[in-house]
Amino acid sequence: MQSQSSIALALLCALAVTAGAARAETGTAVAPAAAMAPPVEPTGPLSLEAALGLALSANPELSAATNELRAVEGAVIQAGLLPNPEISTSIEDTQNRATRSTTVQLGQRLELGGKRAARIATAESGREVAAADLAARRLETRATVVGAFFDVLVAQERVQQADDLLALAGRATLTAGRRVAAGKVSPVEETRARVAEAAARIELNQARADLAVARKRLAATWGSAQARFSLAEGRTDALPGLLSDDALARRLEAAPALLRWRHEVARFTAQAELEKARRLPDVTVSVGAKRAEELGRNQAIVGFSVPFPLFDRNQGTLLEALRRADKARDELRAAELRLGADASQNQERLKALLADVRTLQQEILPGARSAYDAASKGFELGKFSFLEVLDAQRTFFQARAQYLKSLSDAHRSAADLERVLGAITLPSSVMADRP
């Protein structure tokens, strides 16, 4: 009876140690991550650097990708753990104490064929994929912020342009009214001036609505429903630079999106190696003791067991892993072709837009402005009709609107190129106030 009590006590101690280790491991592994602090949004002017800082620290999608990487760290830890030992006990002939025998055994499974190393390699490749996804998400967020920020800058310019147009239309209405009162022109001229002023007022209201939408879109990049900043600080005419063909090819080769697919190929290749290793069965060794009451003595027990791979040789899972590795290689090639085409299209589009912007800056806008000023002055002096003023005014403001649109499209194309290739260096003057 004393020997049975000793065996039972040893079994309870082993179970208590195992449970304590499990509780300690659980308490360490599942500690909750610290909650993301809400961003401190400025109520005054907002620079591009500040907008990027807010988005990169508080964007919900970026936070989700960060937590995914933290979760995969747990898979890496789990992959490196050894199999747990097993303890078992059995009692034979429970009715007759004189012939009863009690057995206690401790078994340990030994992994063969490099399974643990292959499992760790697979988990680490998964971690690299999650890290690449996080880097790609950061680039996506950065490009979105840059595009949204320049949309706000351009929308502010459009509001200023519409406000100038309304002021000019108001002065034209006053001038037309004075000339009608003096009997120099027909009252139709004043009516036309008032219609043009009303159209300018509608244009201003639309520009203000577009600005409000652009501000909300920018604030949404850092998870805010309302924009609290007063205005975006920067210069819309701070044009992005162009990459040479060689630089574009080098940047494309190291693009984060391609890096992600290369890690994906490595992950599925490692998974295939793991499934190959699992074809070799593991060995379980055990040691223990048996108390035979009929003989009145304890007996040592040594055991050895190994599965016999007659039917299940892991052939199906291995075939699946090999085909998924082939699929990952095909997806890498498809991503290379797709990203190469996207980069080339954005590069060519950016070249064309920059050429348009320079033409508008150097040729079209100065000429349209000069023609409008001359027509306005001539109308005040009675040399031109109001229709000629309206035509010159329409030409100038259409050119100005096309200039702003080309600037907006250029910055958006540069942001799309950044999304493909990685972070780009923005012009330093983009951070400066417009003179």
Protein backbone atom coordinates (compact mmCIF):
# COMPACT_ATOMS: atom_id res chain seq x y z
CA MET A 1 0.00 0.00 0.00
CA GLN A 2 2.89 2.33 0.77
CA SER A 3 4.38 1.71 -2.65
CA GLN A 4 1.06 2.55 -4.31
CA SER A 5 0.88 5.82 -2.32
CA SER A 6 4.41 6.73 -3.42
CA ILE A 7 3.57 6.09 -7.05
CA ALA A 8 0.37 8.14 -6.79
CA LEU A 9 2.24 10.98 -5.05
CA ALA A 10 4.86 11.02 -7.79
CA LEU A 11 2.12 11.18 -10.40
CA LEU A 12 0.41 14.11 -8.67
CA CYS A 13 3.70 16.01 -8.35
CA ALA A 14 4.42 15.56 -12.04
CA LEU A 15 0.97 16.82 -12.97
CA ALA A 16 1.32 19.83 -10.64
CA VAL A 17 4.66 20.80 -12.18
CA THR A 18 3.20 20.50 -15.69
CA ALA A 19 0.16 22.61 -14.79
CA GLY A 20 2.31 25.29 -13.15
CA ALA A 21 4.54 25.53 -16.20
CA ALA A 22 1.49 25.80 -18.44
CA ARG A 23 0.06 28.61 -16.32
CA ALA A 24 3.36 30.49 -16.38
CA GLU A 25 3.68 30.06 -20.14
CA THR A 26 0.09 31.19 -20.72
CA GLY A 27 0.47 34.22 -18.50
CA THR A 28 3.51 35.33 -20.47
CA ALA A 29 2.28 34.59 -23.97
CA VAL A 30 -1.20 36.09 -23.96
CA ALA A 31 -0.49 39.38 -22.24
CA PRO A 32 -2.67 41.95 -24.03
CA ALA A 33 -0.95 44.59 -26.12
CA ALA A 34 -1.12 48.19 -25.00
CA ALA A 35 -4.02 50.12 -26.47
CA MET A 36 -3.16 52.60 -29.20
CA ALA A 37 -3.20 56.14 -27.86
CA PRO A 38 -5.45 58.56 -29.77
CA PRO A 39 -3.53 60.99 -32.00
CA VAL A 40 -3.02 64.59 -30.96
CA GLU A 41 -4.44 66.48 -33.92
CA PRO A 42 -3.33 70.07 -34.53
CA THR A 43 -5.96 72.79 -34.60
CA GLY A 44 -3.72 75.21 -36.50
CA PRO A 45 -1.83 74.78 -39.78
CA LEU A 46 -0.92 71.22 -40.80
CA SER A 47 2.27 70.31 -42.63
CA LEU A 48 2.81 67.19 -44.70
CA GLU A 49 5.31 65.87 -42.14
CA ALA A 50 2.73 66.25 -39.37
CA ALA A 51 0.04 64.54 -41.46
CA LEU A 52 2.36 61.61 -42.19
CA GLY A 53 3.27 61.33 -38.50
CA LEU A 54 -0.40 61.25 -37.48
CA ALA A 55 -1.33 58.62 -40.06
CA LEU A 56 1.65 56.33 -39.42
CA SER A 57 0.98 56.37 -35.67
CA ALA A 58 -2.81 56.15 -35.64
CA ASN A 59 -4.04 54.62 -38.91
CA PRO A 60 -6.39 51.71 -37.99
CA GLU A 61 -5.37 49.52 -40.94
CA LEU A 62 -1.70 50.02 -40.11
CA SER A 63 -2.42 49.10 -36.49
CA ALA A 64 -4.16 45.92 -37.68
CA ALA A 65 -1.11 44.94 -39.77
CA THR A 66 1.14 45.60 -36.74
CA ASN A 67 -1.00 43.32 -34.56
CA GLU A 68 -0.87 40.63 -37.24
CA LEU A 69 2.94 40.72 -37.08
CA ARG A 70 2.78 40.44 -33.29
CA ALA A 71 0.43 37.48 -33.62
CA VAL A 72 2.81 35.69 -35.99
CA GLU A 73 5.55 36.06 -33.37
CA GLY A 74 3.50 33.64 -31.27
CA ALA A 75 3.56 31.11 -34.12
CA VAL A 76 7.37 31.36 -34.24
CA ILE A 77 7.56 30.72 -30.49
CA GLN A 78 5.18 27.77 -30.77
CA ALA A 79 7.12 26.25 -33.67
CA GLY A 80 10.29 26.01 -31.58
CA LEU A 81 8.71 24.18 -28.63
CA LEU A 82 9.48 20.53 -28.01
CA PRO A 83 6.69 17.95 -27.69
CA ASN A 84 5.34 17.58 -24.17
CA PRO A 85 6.23 14.44 -22.22
CA GLU A 86 3.40 12.06 -21.37
CA ILE A 87 2.86 10.36 -18.03
CA SER A 88 0.56 7.38 -17.69
CA THR A 89 -0.46 4.91 -15.01
CA SER A 90 -2.38 1.66 -15.02
CA ILE A 91 -3.60 -0.76 -12.36
CA GLU A 92 -4.20 -4.45 -13.05
CA ASP A 93 -6.51 -6.67 -10.95
CA THR A 94 -8.23 -3.97 -8.90
CA GLN A 95 -10.28 -6.56 -6.97
CA ASN A 96 -7.47 -8.64 -5.47
CA ARG A 97 -4.78 -6.66 -3.69
CA ALA A 98 -2.50 -9.67 -3.39
CA THR A 99 -2.19 -10.10 -7.16
CA ARG A 100 -2.51 -6.40 -8.08
CA SER A 101 0.16 -4.68 -10.18
CA THR A 102 0.57 -0.89 -10.64
CA THR A 103 2.53 0.68 -13.50
CA VAL A 104 3.70 4.29 -13.92
CA GLN A 105 5.41 5.38 -17.16
CA LEU A 106 6.90 8.61 -18.50
CA GLY A 107 7.09 8.88 -22.30
CA GLN A 108 8.76 11.39 -24.59
CA ARG A 109 8.25 11.71 -28.33
CA LEU A 110 11.47 12.35 -30.26
CA GLU A 111 11.07 14.25 -33.53
CA LEU A 112 13.21 12.86 -36.33
CA GLY A 113 14.05 14.08 -39.81
CA GLY A 114 14.57 17.75 -38.89
CA LYS A 115 10.87 18.44 -38.26
CA ARG A 116 11.47 21.08 -35.59
CA ALA A 117 13.99 22.98 -37.71
CA ALA A 118 11.64 22.86 -40.72
CA ARG A 119 8.72 23.97 -38.55
CA ILE A 120 10.73 26.93 -37.25
CA ALA A 121 11.79 27.87 -40.79
CA THR A 122 8.16 27.81 -41.93
CA ALA A 123 7.04 30.00 -39.02
CA GLU A 124 9.90 32.46 -39.54
CA SER A 125 9.03 32.72 -43.23
CA GLY A 126 5.46 33.50 -42.19
CA ARG A 127 6.82 36.23 -39.95
CA GLU A 128 8.77 37.69 -42.87
CA VAL A 129 5.58 37.73 -44.94
CA ALA A 130 3.74 39.56 -42.15
CA ALA A 131 6.63 42.05 -41.83
CA ALA A 132 6.54 42.66 -45.59
CA ASP A 133 2.77 43.14 -45.42
CA LEU A 134 3.29 45.71 -42.67
CA ALA A 135 5.92 47.54 -44.75
CA ALA A 136 3.59 47.52 -47.77
CA ARG A 137 0.75 48.83 -45.61
CA ARG A 138 2.98 51.65 -44.36
CA LEU A 139 3.78 52.59 -47.96
CA GLU A 140 0.10 52.40 -48.86
CA THR A 141 -0.75 54.67 -45.95
CA ARG A 142 2.06 57.09 -46.78
CA ALA A 143 1.04 57.30 -50.44
CA THR A 144 -2.60 57.82 -49.45
CA VAL A 145 -1.64 60.64 -47.09
CA VAL A 146 0.55 62.34 -49.70
CA GLY A 147 -2.22 62.17 -52.30
CA ALA A 148 -4.89 63.36 -49.85
CA PHE A 149 -2.67 66.18 -48.56
CA PHE A 150 -2.05 67.56 -52.05
CA ASP A 151 -5.75 67.22 -52.79
CA VAL A 152 -6.36 69.57 -49.86
CA LEU A 153 -3.67 71.97 -51.08
CA VAL A 154 -5.16 72.06 -54.56
CA ALA A 155 -8.70 72.42 -53.16
CA GLN A 156 -7.51 75.40 -51.11
CA GLU A 157 -6.05 76.93 -54.28
CA ARG A 158 -9.37 76.37 -56.08
CA VAL A 159 -11.28 78.10 -53.32
CA GLN A 160 -8.88 81.04 -53.56
CA GLN A 161 -9.27 81.09 -57.34
CA ALA A 162 -13.06 80.98 -57.10
CA ASP A 163 -12.99 83.76 -54.52
CA ASP A 164 -10.83 85.88 -56.84
CA LEU A 165 -13.19 85.13 -59.70
CA LEU A 166 -16.17 86.26 -57.63
CA ALA A 167 -14.39 89.49 -56.65
CA LEU A 168 -13.55 90.20 -60.29
CA ALA A 169 -17.10 89.41 -61.35
CA GLY A 170 -18.41 91.80 -58.68
CA ARG A 171 -16.18 94.62 -59.95
CA ALA A 172 -17.27 93.88 -63.51
CA THR A 173 -20.92 94.15 -62.45
CA LEU A 174 -20.27 97.53 -60.80
CA THR A 175 -18.44 98.77 -63.90
CA ALA A 176 -21.21 97.57 -66.19
CA GLY A 177 -23.81 99.26 -63.96
CA ARG A 178 -21.97 102.59 -64.09
CA ARG A 179 -21.65 102.41 -67.86
CA VAL A 180 -25.32 101.55 -68.26
CA ALA A 181 -26.22 104.47 -65.99
CA ALA A 182 -24.02 106.72 -68.12
CA GLY A 183 -25.81 105.47 -71.24
CA LYS A 184 -22.65 104.13 -72.81
CA VAL A 185 -23.75 100.46 -73.11
CA SER A 186 -26.98 98.51 -73.27
CA PRO A 187 -28.58 97.20 -70.04
CA VAL A 188 -27.97 93.74 -71.49
CA GLU A 189 -24.31 94.18 -70.57
CA GLU A 190 -25.21 94.62 -66.90
CA THR A 191 -27.45 91.54 -67.05
CA ARG A 192 -24.61 89.52 -68.48
CA ALA A 193 -22.31 90.76 -65.74
CA ARG A 194 -24.81 89.76 -63.03
CA VAL A 195 -25.21 86.30 -64.57
CA ALA A 196 -21.42 85.89 -64.61
CA GLU A 197 -21.27 86.98 -60.96
CA ALA A 198 -23.95 84.43 -59.99
CA ALA A 199 -22.03 81.68 -61.81
CA ALA A 200 -18.86 82.70 -59.95
CA ARG A 201 -20.73 82.46 -56.64
CA ILE A 202 -21.89 78.92 -57.52
CA GLU A 203 -18.31 78.01 -58.45
CA LEU A 204 -17.09 79.26 -55.07
CA ASN A 205 -19.71 77.24 -53.18
CA GLN A 206 -18.71 74.10 -55.10
CA ALA A 207 -15.02 74.71 -54.44
CA ARG A 208 -15.70 75.07 -50.72
CA ALA A 209 -17.67 71.80 -50.70
CA ASP A 210 -14.82 70.02 -52.52
CA LEU A 211 -12.37 71.39 -49.95
CA ALA A 212 -14.49 70.10 -47.06
CA VAL A 213 -14.55 66.62 -48.64
CA ALA A 214 -10.78 66.66 -49.23
CA ARG A 215 -10.14 67.71 -45.61
CA LYS A 216 -12.29 64.85 -44.27
CA ARG A 217 -10.55 62.38 -46.58
CA LEU A 218 -7.18 63.48 -45.22
CA ALA A 219 -8.33 63.30 -41.59
CA ALA A 220 -9.66 59.77 -42.20
CA THR A 221 -6.10 58.55 -42.82
CA TRP A 222 -5.38 58.89 -39.10
CA GLY A 223 -8.82 57.64 -38.05
CA SER A 224 -10.55 60.97 -37.41
CA ALA A 225 -14.09 61.66 -38.62
CA GLN A 226 -13.59 65.44 -38.70
CA ALA A 227 -10.67 67.62 -39.79
CA ARG A 228 -9.59 69.91 -36.96
CA PHE A 229 -6.62 71.62 -38.64
CA SER A 230 -7.17 75.13 -39.98
CA LEU A 231 -5.36 74.72 -43.31
CA ALA A 232 -2.77 72.58 -45.05
CA GLU A 233 0.64 74.23 -45.35
CA GLY A 234 2.65 73.62 -48.48
CA ARG A 235 3.23 74.55 -52.08
CA THR A 236 1.30 72.90 -54.85
CA ASP A 237 3.95 73.94 -57.38
CA ALA A 238 6.67 71.96 -55.55
CA LEU A 239 6.85 69.32 -58.27
CA PRO A 240 8.02 65.74 -57.61
CA GLY A 241 11.18 64.54 -59.30
CA LEU A 242 11.58 61.91 -62.00
CA LEU A 243 13.63 58.72 -61.82
CA SER A 244 15.92 57.60 -64.59
CA ASP A 245 15.15 54.28 -66.30
CA ASP A 246 18.07 52.59 -64.51
CA ALA A 247 16.99 53.96 -61.12
CA LEU A 248 13.41 52.88 -61.82
CA ALA A 249 14.57 49.31 -62.60
CA ARG A 250 16.70 49.15 -59.43
CA ARG A 251 13.90 50.48 -57.24
CA LEU A 252 11.43 48.07 -58.82
CA GLU A 253 13.71 45.12 -58.09
CA ALA A 254 13.70 46.05 -54.39
CA ALA A 255 10.01 46.98 -54.25
CA PRO A 256 8.37 45.95 -50.95
CA ALA A 257 5.45 44.33 -52.79
CA LEU A 258 7.86 41.99 -54.61
CA LEU A 259 9.74 41.34 -51.39
CA ARG A 260 6.49 40.15 -49.86
CA TRP A 261 5.95 37.60 -52.63
CA ARG A 262 9.55 36.38 -52.37
CA HIS A 263 8.97 35.70 -48.68
CA GLU A 264 5.73 33.94 -49.63
CA VAL A 265 7.67 31.65 -51.97
CA ALA A 266 10.16 30.94 -49.17
CA ARG A 267 7.31 30.18 -46.77
CA PHE A 268 5.65 27.63 -49.02
CA THR A 269 9.03 26.10 -49.89
CA ALA A 270 9.74 25.71 -46.18
CA GLN A 271 6.27 24.23 -45.71
CA ALA A 272 7.05 21.64 -48.40
CA GLU A 273 10.30 20.75 -46.60
CA LEU A 274 8.34 20.36 -43.38
CA GLU A 275 5.87 18.00 -45.01
CA LYS A 276 8.78 15.97 -46.42
CA ALA A 277 10.22 15.69 -42.92
CA ARG A 278 6.86 14.54 -41.55
CA ARG A 279 7.04 11.46 -43.78
CA LEU A 280 9.60 10.04 -41.36
CA PRO A 281 7.75 8.77 -38.27
CA ASP A 282 8.71 9.97 -34.82
CA VAL A 283 9.95 7.66 -32.05
CA THR A 284 8.48 7.59 -28.57
CA VAL A 285 10.64 6.30 -25.72
CA SER A 286 9.30 5.65 -22.25
CA VAL A 287 10.63 4.67 -18.85
CA GLY A 288 8.72 3.68 -15.76
CA ALA A 289 8.24 1.27 -12.89
CA LYS A 290 5.84 -1.55 -12.14
CA ARG A 291 4.93 -2.75 -8.68
CA ALA A 292 3.89 -6.40 -8.68
CA GLU A 293 2.24 -7.22 -5.33
CA GLU A 294 2.21 -10.93 -6.11
CA LEU A 295 5.99 -10.94 -6.48
CA GLY A 296 6.49 -8.32 -3.78
CA ARG A 297 8.97 -6.19 -5.75
CA ASN A 298 9.29 -3.26 -8.16
CA GLN A 299 10.25 -3.77 -11.80
CA ALA A 300 11.82 -1.23 -14.17
CA ILE A 301 10.12 -0.70 -17.54
CA VAL A 302 11.72 0.67 -20.72
CA GLY A 303 9.55 1.18 -23.79
CA PHE A 304 10.02 2.09 -27.44
CA SER A 305 7.32 2.73 -30.06
CA VAL A 306 7.24 3.96 -33.64
CA PRO A 307 4.31 4.24 -36.09
CA PHE A 308 4.44 1.92 -39.06
CA PRO A 309 3.86 4.14 -42.19
CA LEU A 310 1.96 1.60 -44.20
CA PHE A 311 -0.99 3.69 -45.47
CA ASP A 312 -0.45 7.32 -44.41
CA ARG A 313 2.94 8.53 -45.59
CA ASN A 314 1.83 12.19 -45.69
CA GLN A 315 1.81 12.00 -49.47
CA GLY A 316 -1.31 14.11 -49.97
CA THR A 317 -0.19 16.98 -47.72
CA LEU A 318 3.26 16.94 -49.34
CA LEU A 319 1.74 17.18 -52.81
CA GLU A 320 -0.44 20.10 -51.69
CA ALA A 321 2.57 21.94 -50.24
CA LEU A 322 4.62 21.43 -53.42
CA ARG A 323 1.83 22.72 -55.63
CA ARG A 324 1.28 25.75 -53.37
CA ALA A 325 4.98 26.54 -53.65
CA ASP A 326 4.62 26.41 -57.45
CA LYS A 327 1.60 28.70 -57.20
CA ALA A 328 3.57 31.18 -55.08
CA ARG A 329 6.32 31.29 -57.73
CA ASP A 330 3.75 31.97 -60.43
CA GLU A 331 2.20 34.74 -58.32
CA LEU A 332 5.66 36.26 -57.80
CA ARG A 333 6.19 36.35 -61.56
CA ALA A 334 2.73 37.84 -62.10
CA ALA A 335 3.45 40.49 -59.43
CA GLU A 336 6.74 41.38 -61.15
CA LEU A 337 4.96 41.91 -64.47
CA ARG A 338 2.06 43.82 -62.91
CA LEU A 339 4.22 46.12 -60.80
CA GLY A 340 6.58 46.73 -63.71
CA ALA A 341 3.67 47.81 -65.89
CA ASP A 342 2.23 50.00 -63.12
CA ALA A 343 5.58 51.67 -62.48
CA SER A 344 6.15 52.36 -66.18
CA GLN A 345 2.65 53.76 -66.65
CA ASN A 346 2.94 56.04 -63.62
CA GLN A 347 6.41 57.17 -64.72
CA GLU A 348 5.23 58.06 -68.23
CA ARG A 349 2.09 59.72 -66.90
CA LEU A 350 4.18 61.76 -64.47
CA LYS A 351 6.51 62.85 -67.28
CA ALA A 352 3.56 64.04 -69.38
CA LEU A 353 1.92 65.85 -66.46
CA LEU A 354 5.14 67.62 -65.50
CA ALA A 355 5.54 68.76 -69.10
CA ASP A 356 1.95 70.06 -69.06
CA VAL A 357 2.55 71.91 -65.79
CA ARG A 358 5.69 73.60 -67.10
CA THR A 359 3.93 74.64 -70.33
CA LEU A 360 1.03 76.09 -68.37
CA GLN A 361 3.40 77.87 -65.96
CA GLN A 362 5.70 79.38 -68.56
CA GLU A 363 3.47 80.01 -71.57
CA ILE A 364 -0.29 79.64 -71.21
CA LEU A 365 -0.96 81.21 -67.79
CA PRO A 366 1.11 84.39 -68.37
CA GLY A 367 -0.50 84.97 -71.78
CA ALA A 368 -4.03 84.31 -70.51
CA ARG A 369 -3.48 86.61 -67.54
CA SER A 370 -2.13 89.37 -69.75
CA ALA A 371 -5.08 89.07 -72.16
CA TYR A 372 -7.58 89.18 -69.30
CA ASP A 373 -5.98 92.24 -67.70
CA ALA A 374 -5.94 94.03 -71.07
CA ALA A 375 -9.61 93.15 -71.75
CA SER A 376 -10.70 94.29 -68.28
CA LYS A 377 -8.87 97.60 -68.57
CA GLY A 378 -10.19 98.12 -72.11
CA PHE A 379 -13.76 97.45 -70.95
CA GLU A 380 -13.42 100.07 -68.20
CA LEU A 381 -12.16 102.52 -70.82
CA GLY A 382 -14.98 101.61 -73.21
CA LYS A 383 -12.76 99.98 -75.82
CA PHE A 384 -14.08 96.39 -75.45
CA SER A 385 -17.48 94.87 -74.93
CA PHE A 386 -18.32 92.80 -71.88
CA LEU A 387 -18.48 89.67 -74.03
CA GLU A 388 -14.78 90.12 -74.82
CA VAL A 389 -14.06 90.51 -71.10
CA LEU A 390 -16.03 87.36 -70.33
CA ASP A 391 -14.17 85.42 -73.01
CA ALA A 392 -10.76 86.55 -71.71
CA GLN A 393 -11.84 85.83 -68.15
CA ARG A 394 -13.08 82.35 -69.08
CA THR A 395 -9.83 81.56 -70.90
CA PHE A 396 -7.69 82.67 -67.97
CA PHE A 397 -9.61 80.79 -65.30
CA GLN A 398 -9.90 77.66 -67.43
CA ALA A 399 -6.14 77.70 -67.85
CA ARG A 400 -5.75 78.21 -64.11
CA ALA A 401 -8.14 75.30 -63.42
CA GLN A 402 -6.23 73.07 -65.85
CA TYR A 403 -2.98 74.04 -64.14
CA LEU A 404 -4.34 73.06 -60.72
CA LYS A 405 -5.71 69.79 -62.10
CA SER A 406 -2.37 68.93 -63.71
CA LEU A 407 -0.60 69.69 -60.42
CA SER A 408 -3.04 67.46 -58.52
CA ASP A 409 -2.68 64.62 -61.04
CA ALA A 410 1.13 64.92 -60.97
CA HIS A 411 1.28 64.62 -57.20
CA ARG A 412 -1.16 61.70 -57.26
CA SER A 413 0.91 59.91 -59.94
CA ALA A 414 4.02 60.44 -57.82
CA ALA A 415 2.16 58.99 -54.82
CA ASP A 416 1.11 55.97 -56.90
CA LEU A 417 4.71 55.49 -57.98
CA GLU A 418 5.77 55.65 -54.34
CA ARG A 419 3.18 53.01 -53.50
CA VAL A 420 4.82 50.66 -56.02
CA LEU A 421 8.51 51.43 -55.49
CA GLY A 422 8.69 52.49 -51.86
CA ALA A 423 9.23 55.81 -50.11
CA ILE A 424 10.39 58.67 -52.30
CA THR A 425 12.08 61.90 -51.31
CA LEU A 426 9.64 64.78 -51.48
CA PRO A 427 10.85 68.24 -52.52
CA SER A 428 11.95 70.22 -49.50
CA SER A 429 9.90 73.20 -50.66
CA VAL A 430 6.73 71.16 -50.24
CA MET A 431 7.02 71.83 -46.53
CA ALA A 432 7.36 75.59 -46.98
CA ASP A 433 4.63 78.17 -46.92
CA ARG A 434 3.65 79.56 -50.26
CA PRO A 435 5.08 83.10 -50.70
